[in-house]
PDB file of all heavy atoms in Angstrom:
ATOM      1  N   SER A   1      27.427  48.094 -49.262  1.00  0.00           N
ATOM      2  CA  SER A   1      27.931  48.232 -50.624  1.00  0.00           C
ATOM      3  C   SER A   1      28.437  46.877 -51.106  1.00  0.00           C
ATOM      4  O   SER A   1      28.562  45.912 -50.319  1.00  0.00           O
ATOM      5  CB  SER A   1      29.062  49.256 -50.668  1.00  0.00           C
ATOM      6  OG  SER A   1      30.175  48.810 -49.900  1.00  0.00           O
ATOM      7  N   TYR A   2      28.779  46.810 -52.401  1.00  0.00           N
ATOM      8  CA  TYR A   2      29.244  45.526 -52.947  1.00  0.00           C
ATOM      9  C   TYR A   2      30.536  45.052 -52.272  1.00  0.00           C
ATOM     10  O   TYR A   2      30.625  43.882 -51.894  1.00  0.00           O
ATOM     11  CB  TYR A   2      29.430  45.628 -54.456  1.00  0.00           C
ATOM     12  CG  TYR A   2      29.722  44.292 -55.125  1.00  0.00           C
ATOM     13  CD1 TYR A   2      28.764  43.284 -55.145  1.00  0.00           C
ATOM     14  CD2 TYR A   2      30.949  44.051 -55.719  1.00  0.00           C
ATOM     15  CE1 TYR A   2      29.019  42.063 -55.744  1.00  0.00           C
ATOM     16  CE2 TYR A   2      31.219  42.833 -56.328  1.00  0.00           C
ATOM     17  CZ  TYR A   2      30.256  41.841 -56.334  1.00  0.00           C
ATOM     18  OH  TYR A   2      30.522  40.625 -56.919  1.00  0.00           O
ATOM     19  N   PRO A   3      31.546  45.913 -52.069  1.00  0.00           N
ATOM     20  CA  PRO A   3      32.740  45.462 -51.345  1.00  0.00           C
ATOM     21  C   PRO A   3      32.425  45.014 -49.914  1.00  0.00           C
ATOM     22  O   PRO A   3      32.970  44.027 -49.421  1.00  0.00           O
ATOM     23  CB  PRO A   3      33.652  46.701 -51.359  1.00  0.00           C
ATOM     24  CG  PRO A   3      33.224  47.466 -52.549  1.00  0.00           C
ATOM     25  CD  PRO A   3      31.741  47.268 -52.630  1.00  0.00           C
ATOM     26  N   GLN A   4      31.536  45.739 -49.229  1.00  0.00           N
ATOM     27  CA  GLN A   4      31.143  45.349 -47.868  1.00  0.00           C
ATOM     28  C   GLN A   4      30.393  44.020 -47.874  1.00  0.00           C
ATOM     29  O   GLN A   4      30.545  43.202 -46.963  1.00  0.00           O
ATOM     30  CB  GLN A   4      30.277  46.444 -47.247  1.00  0.00           C
ATOM     31  CG  GLN A   4      31.019  47.715 -46.924  1.00  0.00           C
ATOM     32  CD  GLN A   4      30.089  48.814 -46.431  1.00  0.00           C
ATOM     33  OE1 GLN A   4      28.920  48.900 -46.859  1.00  0.00           O
ATOM     34  NE2 GLN A   4      30.585  49.664 -45.536  1.00  0.00           N
ATOM     35  N   LEU A   5      29.596  43.804 -48.883  1.00  0.00           N
ATOM     36  CA  LEU A   5      28.867  42.547 -49.025  1.00  0.00           C
ATOM     37  C   LEU A   5      29.848  41.372 -49.146  1.00  0.00           C
ATOM     38  O   LEU A   5      29.651  40.324 -48.523  1.00  0.00           O
ATOM     39  CB  LEU A   5      27.969  42.617 -50.258  1.00  0.00           C
ATOM     40  CG  LEU A   5      27.130  41.376 -50.586  1.00  0.00           C
ATOM     41  CD1 LEU A   5      26.081  41.150 -49.518  1.00  0.00           C
ATOM     42  CD2 LEU A   5      26.469  41.527 -51.955  1.00  0.00           C
ATOM     43  N   ILE A   6      30.896  41.567 -49.928  1.00  0.00           N
ATOM     44  CA  ILE A   6      31.901  40.512 -50.099  1.00  0.00           C
ATOM     45  C   ILE A   6      32.608  40.228 -48.782  1.00  0.00           C
ATOM     46  O   ILE A   6      32.767  39.071 -48.372  1.00  0.00           O
ATOM     47  CB  ILE A   6      32.910  40.911 -51.191  1.00  0.00           C
ATOM     48  CG1 ILE A   6      32.225  40.964 -52.554  1.00  0.00           C
ATOM     49  CG2 ILE A   6      34.087  39.923 -51.221  1.00  0.00           C
ATOM     50  CD1 ILE A   6      33.112  41.511 -53.654  1.00  0.00           C
ATOM     51  N   VAL A   7      33.022  41.305 -48.092  1.00  0.00           N
ATOM     52  CA  VAL A   7      33.821  41.156 -46.869  1.00  0.00           C
ATOM     53  C   VAL A   7      32.997  40.605 -45.712  1.00  0.00           C
ATOM     54  O   VAL A   7      33.459  39.727 -44.967  1.00  0.00           O
ATOM     55  CB  VAL A   7      34.458  42.511 -46.483  1.00  0.00           C
ATOM     56  CG1 VAL A   7      35.130  42.422 -45.119  1.00  0.00           C
ATOM     57  CG2 VAL A   7      35.467  42.930 -47.540  1.00  0.00           C
ATOM     58  N   HIS A   8      31.785  41.080 -45.541  1.00  0.00           N
ATOM     59  CA  HIS A   8      30.998  40.761 -44.346  1.00  0.00           C
ATOM     60  C   HIS A   8      30.011  39.615 -44.524  1.00  0.00           C
ATOM     61  O   HIS A   8      29.538  39.056 -43.527  1.00  0.00           O
ATOM     62  CB  HIS A   8      30.238  42.007 -43.885  1.00  0.00           C
ATOM     63  CG  HIS A   8      31.126  43.131 -43.457  1.00  0.00           C
ATOM     64  ND1 HIS A   8      31.929  43.072 -42.332  1.00  0.00           N
ATOM     65  CD2 HIS A   8      31.357  44.347 -44.024  1.00  0.00           C
ATOM     66  CE1 HIS A   8      32.611  44.199 -42.208  1.00  0.00           C
ATOM     67  NE2 HIS A   8      32.287  44.988 -43.229  1.00  0.00           N
ATOM     68  N   VAL A   9      29.694  39.251 -45.754  1.00  0.00           N
ATOM     69  CA  VAL A   9      28.692  38.197 -45.977  1.00  0.00           C
ATOM     70  C   VAL A   9      29.265  37.032 -46.780  1.00  0.00           C
ATOM     71  O   VAL A   9      29.239  35.881 -46.327  1.00  0.00           O
ATOM     72  CB  VAL A   9      27.440  38.768 -46.686  1.00  0.00           C
ATOM     73  CG1 VAL A   9      26.437  37.641 -46.973  1.00  0.00           C
ATOM     74  CG2 VAL A   9      26.799  39.854 -45.847  1.00  0.00           C
ATOM     75  N   ILE A  10      29.779  37.319 -47.964  1.00  0.00           N
ATOM     76  CA  ILE A  10      30.184  36.234 -48.867  1.00  0.00           C
ATOM     77  C   ILE A  10      31.413  35.501 -48.370  1.00  0.00           C
ATOM     78  O   ILE A  10      31.421  34.262 -48.300  1.00  0.00           O
ATOM     79  CB  ILE A  10      30.411  36.799 -50.292  1.00  0.00           C
ATOM     80  CG1 ILE A  10      29.091  37.324 -50.856  1.00  0.00           C
ATOM     81  CG2 ILE A  10      30.988  35.714 -51.205  1.00  0.00           C
ATOM     82  CD1 ILE A  10      29.206  37.981 -52.209  1.00  0.00           C
ATOM     83  N   LEU A  11      32.461  36.228 -47.995  1.00  0.00           N
ATOM     84  CA  LEU A  11      33.686  35.560 -47.545  1.00  0.00           C
ATOM     85  C   LEU A  11      33.490  34.787 -46.242  1.00  0.00           C
ATOM     86  O   LEU A  11      33.936  33.635 -46.145  1.00  0.00           O
ATOM     87  CB  LEU A  11      34.820  36.582 -47.411  1.00  0.00           C
ATOM     88  CG  LEU A  11      35.335  37.167 -48.736  1.00  0.00           C
ATOM     89  CD1 LEU A  11      36.496  38.108 -48.487  1.00  0.00           C
ATOM     90  CD2 LEU A  11      35.759  36.063 -49.688  1.00  0.00           C
ATOM     91  N   PRO A  12      32.821  35.344 -45.214  1.00  0.00           N
ATOM     92  CA  PRO A  12      32.557  34.517 -44.020  1.00  0.00           C
ATOM     93  C   PRO A  12      31.697  33.299 -44.326  1.00  0.00           C
ATOM     94  O   PRO A  12      31.906  32.220 -43.765  1.00  0.00           O
ATOM     95  CB  PRO A  12      31.827  35.490 -43.087  1.00  0.00           C
ATOM     96  CG  PRO A  12      32.283  36.838 -43.507  1.00  0.00           C
ATOM     97  CD  PRO A  12      32.434  36.755 -44.993  1.00  0.00           C
ATOM     98  N   GLY A  13      30.726  33.464 -45.231  1.00  0.00           N
ATOM     99  CA  GLY A  13      29.874  32.336 -45.585  1.00  0.00           C
ATOM    100  C   GLY A  13      30.621  31.244 -46.333  1.00  0.00           C
ATOM    101  O   GLY A  13      30.290  30.057 -46.227  1.00  0.00           O
ATOM    102  N   ALA A  14      31.654  31.643 -47.101  1.00  0.00           N
ATOM    103  CA  ALA A  14      32.439  30.671 -47.865  1.00  0.00           C
ATOM    104  C   ALA A  14      33.623  30.132 -47.078  1.00  0.00           C
ATOM    105  O   ALA A  14      34.334  29.252 -47.578  1.00  0.00           O
ATOM    106  CB  ALA A  14      32.936  31.318 -49.156  1.00  0.00           C
ATOM    107  N   LEU A  15      33.855  30.642 -45.862  1.00  0.00           N
ATOM    108  CA  LEU A  15      35.008  30.213 -45.073  1.00  0.00           C
ATOM    109  C   LEU A  15      35.034  28.711 -44.794  1.00  0.00           C
ATOM    110  O   LEU A  15      36.105  28.085 -44.892  1.00  0.00           O
ATOM    111  CB  LEU A  15      35.062  31.005 -43.763  1.00  0.00           C
ATOM    112  CG  LEU A  15      36.261  30.737 -42.857  1.00  0.00           C
ATOM    113  CD1 LEU A  15      37.563  31.054 -43.570  1.00  0.00           C
ATOM    114  CD2 LEU A  15      36.142  31.552 -41.560  1.00  0.00           C
ATOM    115  N   PRO A  16      33.902  28.073 -44.442  1.00  0.00           N
ATOM    116  CA  PRO A  16      33.949  26.611 -44.235  1.00  0.00           C
ATOM    117  C   PRO A  16      34.444  25.863 -45.472  1.00  0.00           C
ATOM    118  O   PRO A  16      35.238  24.925 -45.353  1.00  0.00           O
ATOM    119  CB  PRO A  16      32.492  26.257 -43.906  1.00  0.00           C
ATOM    120  CG  PRO A  16      31.915  27.505 -43.344  1.00  0.00           C
ATOM    121  CD  PRO A  16      32.568  28.620 -44.087  1.00  0.00           C
ATOM    122  N   SER A  17      33.981  26.271 -46.643  1.00  0.00           N
ATOM    123  CA  SER A  17      34.431  25.626 -47.881  1.00  0.00           C
ATOM    124  C   SER A  17      35.917  25.881 -48.116  1.00  0.00           C
ATOM    125  O   SER A  17      36.649  24.993 -48.576  1.00  0.00           O
ATOM    126  CB  SER A  17      33.620  26.144 -49.070  1.00  0.00           C
ATOM    127  OG  SER A  17      32.265  25.812 -48.935  1.00  0.00           O
ATOM    128  N   PHE A  18      36.362  27.091 -47.801  1.00  0.00           N
ATOM    129  CA  PHE A  18      37.776  27.427 -47.954  1.00  0.00           C
ATOM    130  C   PHE A  18      38.649  26.516 -47.090  1.00  0.00           C
ATOM    131  O   PHE A  18      39.685  26.010 -47.540  1.00  0.00           O
ATOM    132  CB  PHE A  18      38.003  28.889 -47.579  1.00  0.00           C
ATOM    133  CG  PHE A  18      39.453  29.288 -47.538  1.00  0.00           C
ATOM    134  CD1 PHE A  18      40.121  29.641 -48.693  1.00  0.00           C
ATOM    135  CD2 PHE A  18      40.146  29.311 -46.335  1.00  0.00           C
ATOM    136  CE1 PHE A  18      41.464  30.005 -48.662  1.00  0.00           C
ATOM    137  CE2 PHE A  18      41.477  29.673 -46.283  1.00  0.00           C
ATOM    138  CZ  PHE A  18      42.138  30.021 -47.449  1.00  0.00           C
ATOM    139  N   LEU A  19      38.238  26.296 -45.847  1.00  0.00           N
ATOM    140  CA  LEU A  19      39.029  25.459 -44.937  1.00  0.00           C
ATOM    141  C   LEU A  19      39.006  23.998 -45.368  1.00  0.00           C
ATOM    142  O   LEU A  19      40.005  23.290 -45.224  1.00  0.00           O
ATOM    143  CB  LEU A  19      38.511  25.618 -43.511  1.00  0.00           C
ATOM    144  CG  LEU A  19      38.748  27.003 -42.893  1.00  0.00           C
ATOM    145  CD1 LEU A  19      38.032  27.138 -41.556  1.00  0.00           C
ATOM    146  CD2 LEU A  19      40.245  27.255 -42.716  1.00  0.00           C
ATOM    147  N   ILE A  20      37.888  23.537 -45.895  1.00  0.00           N
ATOM    148  CA  ILE A  20      37.842  22.175 -46.442  1.00  0.00           C
ATOM    149  C   ILE A  20      38.805  22.059 -47.610  1.00  0.00           C
ATOM    150  O   ILE A  20      39.539  21.071 -47.741  1.00  0.00           O
ATOM    151  CB  ILE A  20      36.403  21.820 -46.871  1.00  0.00           C
ATOM    152  CG1 ILE A  20      35.503  21.663 -45.653  1.00  0.00           C
ATOM    153  CG2 ILE A  20      36.387  20.525 -47.701  1.00  0.00           C
ATOM    154  CD1 ILE A  20      34.045  21.462 -45.988  1.00  0.00           C
ATOM    155  N   GLY A  21      38.811  23.073 -48.475  1.00  0.00           N
ATOM    156  CA  GLY A  21      39.747  23.071 -49.594  1.00  0.00           C
ATOM    157  C   GLY A  21      41.191  23.079 -49.135  1.00  0.00           C
ATOM    158  O   GLY A  21      42.051  22.425 -49.739  1.00  0.00           O
ATOM    159  N   LEU A  22      41.470  23.812 -48.055  1.00  0.00           N
ATOM    160  CA  LEU A  22      42.832  23.849 -47.519  1.00  0.00           C
ATOM    161  C   LEU A  22      43.250  22.479 -47.008  1.00  0.00           C
ATOM    162  O   LEU A  22      44.377  22.030 -47.246  1.00  0.00           O
ATOM    163  CB  LEU A  22      42.903  24.888 -46.403  1.00  0.00           C
ATOM    164  CG  LEU A  22      44.277  25.095 -45.757  1.00  0.00           C
ATOM    165  CD1 LEU A  22      45.309  25.490 -46.795  1.00  0.00           C
ATOM    166  CD2 LEU A  22      44.179  26.153 -44.656  1.00  0.00           C
ATOM    167  N   ARG A  23      42.350  21.792 -46.311  1.00  0.00           N
ATOM    168  CA  ARG A  23      42.655  20.437 -45.826  1.00  0.00           C
ATOM    169  C   ARG A  23      42.891  19.489 -46.993  1.00  0.00           C
ATOM    170  O   ARG A  23      43.821  18.678 -46.980  1.00  0.00           O
ATOM    171  CB  ARG A  23      41.505  19.921 -44.954  1.00  0.00           C
ATOM    172  CG  ARG A  23      41.373  20.613 -43.611  1.00  0.00           C
ATOM    173  CD  ARG A  23      40.178  20.107 -42.836  1.00  0.00           C
ATOM    174  NE  ARG A  23      40.335  18.688 -42.503  1.00  0.00           N
ATOM    175  CZ  ARG A  23      39.378  17.951 -41.945  1.00  0.00           C
ATOM    176  NH1 ARG A  23      38.196  18.490 -41.690  1.00  0.00           N
ATOM    177  NH2 ARG A  23      39.601  16.697 -41.669  1.00  0.00           N
ATOM    178  N   TYR A  24      42.043  19.588 -47.988  1.00  0.00           N
ATOM    179  CA  TYR A  24      42.172  18.725 -49.157  1.00  0.00           C
ATOM    180  C   TYR A  24      43.478  19.018 -49.898  1.00  0.00           C
ATOM    181  O   TYR A  24      44.191  18.107 -50.335  1.00  0.00           O
ATOM    182  CB  TYR A  24      40.964  18.932 -50.067  1.00  0.00           C
ATOM    183  CG  TYR A  24      40.880  17.977 -51.235  1.00  0.00           C
ATOM    184  CD1 TYR A  24      41.463  16.712 -51.182  1.00  0.00           C
ATOM    185  CD2 TYR A  24      40.201  18.335 -52.394  1.00  0.00           C
ATOM    186  CE1 TYR A  24      41.376  15.843 -52.257  1.00  0.00           C
ATOM    187  CE2 TYR A  24      40.110  17.469 -53.474  1.00  0.00           C
ATOM    188  CZ  TYR A  24      40.714  16.233 -53.398  1.00  0.00           C
ATOM    189  OH  TYR A  24      40.637  15.369 -54.467  1.00  0.00           O
TER     190      TYR A  24
END
């Protein structure tokens, strides 16, 4: 479903960018 897609695909895929943003 769309919520599952966000939790299991989009957020893990965006995690590297999130951590770079946190460092910055």
